[in-house]
Amino acid sequence: MKIEIVYALKHQQFFYTEKVKENTTIESALKNSQLLKDFPNLDVSNIGIFSRAVKKNEILQENDRIEIYRPLKIDPKEKRRERAKKSSG
């Protein structure tokens, strides 16, 4: 079955179409993906399917899109606090 794997850097996106067997887990698909051949040290601990957080042992469905999320550089709540301080100060 066909799945997609996507990963984005600040100014560049990577899109892979992969074929996997029925009942393949996300972890197995990632382990054998071209993405990890291109980026062997990539942290794939924060992942989702169509913007929904998932666990690596979840079974993939036809046409699923695995998304690899980069770690946040700053906590969104902290960023809002900083903006609020600047606008009120």
Protein backbone atom coordinates (compact mmCIF):
# COMPACT_ATOMS: atom_id res chain seq x y z
CA MET A 1 0.00 0.00 0.00
CA LYS A 2 1.10 3.57 -0.57
CA ILE A 3 1.93 6.08 2.18
CA GLU A 4 3.63 9.46 2.29
CA ILE A 5 6.29 10.77 4.64
CA VAL A 6 6.90 14.51 4.96
CA TYR A 7 9.49 16.59 6.75
CA ALA A 8 10.08 20.34 6.56
CA LEU A 9 12.99 22.55 7.39
CA LYS A 10 12.64 26.32 7.59
CA HIS A 11 13.05 26.87 3.83
CA GLN A 12 12.81 23.39 2.36
CA GLN A 13 10.29 20.55 2.37
CA PHE A 14 10.91 16.86 1.78
CA PHE A 15 8.15 14.61 0.46
CA TYR A 16 8.50 10.86 0.05
CA THR A 17 6.06 8.35 -1.36
CA GLU A 18 6.71 4.86 0.00
CA LYS A 19 5.19 1.43 -0.49
CA VAL A 20 4.66 -0.67 2.63
CA LYS A 21 2.96 -3.95 3.40
CA GLU A 22 -0.45 -4.17 5.10
CA ASN A 23 -0.25 -3.98 8.92
CA THR A 24 3.01 -2.00 8.85
CA THR A 25 3.63 0.16 11.91
CA ILE A 26 4.74 3.76 11.70
CA GLU A 27 8.02 2.81 13.35
CA SER A 28 8.74 0.11 10.78
CA ALA A 29 7.83 2.37 7.86
CA LEU A 30 10.11 5.13 9.15
CA LYS A 31 12.97 2.73 9.87
CA ASN A 32 12.91 1.55 6.24
CA SER A 33 12.13 4.92 4.66
CA GLN A 34 14.18 6.99 2.25
CA LEU A 35 13.80 9.89 4.70
CA LEU A 36 16.01 8.16 7.28
CA LYS A 37 18.46 7.15 4.58
CA ASP A 38 18.74 10.83 3.64
CA PHE A 39 18.69 12.04 7.28
CA PRO A 40 20.03 9.14 9.40
CA ASN A 41 20.27 11.20 12.61
CA LEU A 42 16.82 12.78 12.34
CA ASP A 43 14.81 12.82 15.57
CA VAL A 44 11.52 11.10 14.72
CA SER A 45 10.11 11.11 18.24
CA ASN A 46 7.49 13.78 17.48
CA ILE A 47 5.28 12.49 14.67
CA GLY A 48 1.74 12.65 13.42
CA ILE A 49 -0.59 11.54 10.68
CA PHE A 50 -2.51 14.38 9.04
CA SER A 51 -1.77 16.70 12.01
CA ARG A 52 -2.91 14.15 14.61
CA ALA A 53 -0.26 13.04 17.11
CA VAL A 54 0.34 9.29 16.95
CA LYS A 55 2.42 6.59 18.58
CA LYS A 56 5.02 4.69 16.59
CA ASN A 57 3.28 1.35 17.09
CA GLU A 58 0.14 2.55 15.26
CA ILE A 59 -0.73 0.57 12.12
CA LEU A 60 -0.68 2.56 8.90
CA GLN A 61 -3.62 2.81 6.53
CA GLU A 62 -3.55 3.27 2.75
CA ASN A 63 -2.61 6.87 1.81
CA ASP A 64 -1.61 7.90 5.35
CA ARG A 65 0.83 10.81 5.52
CA ILE A 66 3.41 10.55 8.29
CA GLU A 67 4.56 14.00 9.37
CA ILE A 68 7.82 14.52 11.23
CA TYR A 69 7.62 17.55 13.53
CA ARG A 70 10.64 19.61 14.48
CA PRO A 71 11.08 20.56 18.15
CA LEU A 72 9.78 23.98 19.11
CA LYS A 73 12.48 26.58 19.68
CA ILE A 74 10.37 28.41 22.27
CA ASP A 75 7.27 27.51 24.23
CA PRO A 76 4.25 29.20 22.54
CA LYS A 77 2.94 30.41 25.92
CA GLU A 78 6.28 32.05 26.69
CA LYS A 79 6.32 33.71 23.26
CA ARG A 80 2.85 35.22 23.92
CA ARG A 81 4.00 36.49 27.32
CA GLU A 82 7.01 38.18 25.69
CA ARG A 83 4.78 39.84 23.08
CA ALA A 84 2.34 41.00 25.76
CA LYS A 85 5.20 42.54 27.79
CA LYS A 86 6.52 44.40 24.75
CA SER A 87 3.12 45.79 23.77
CA SER A 88 2.21 46.90 27.32
CA GLY A 89 5.64 48.24 28.26
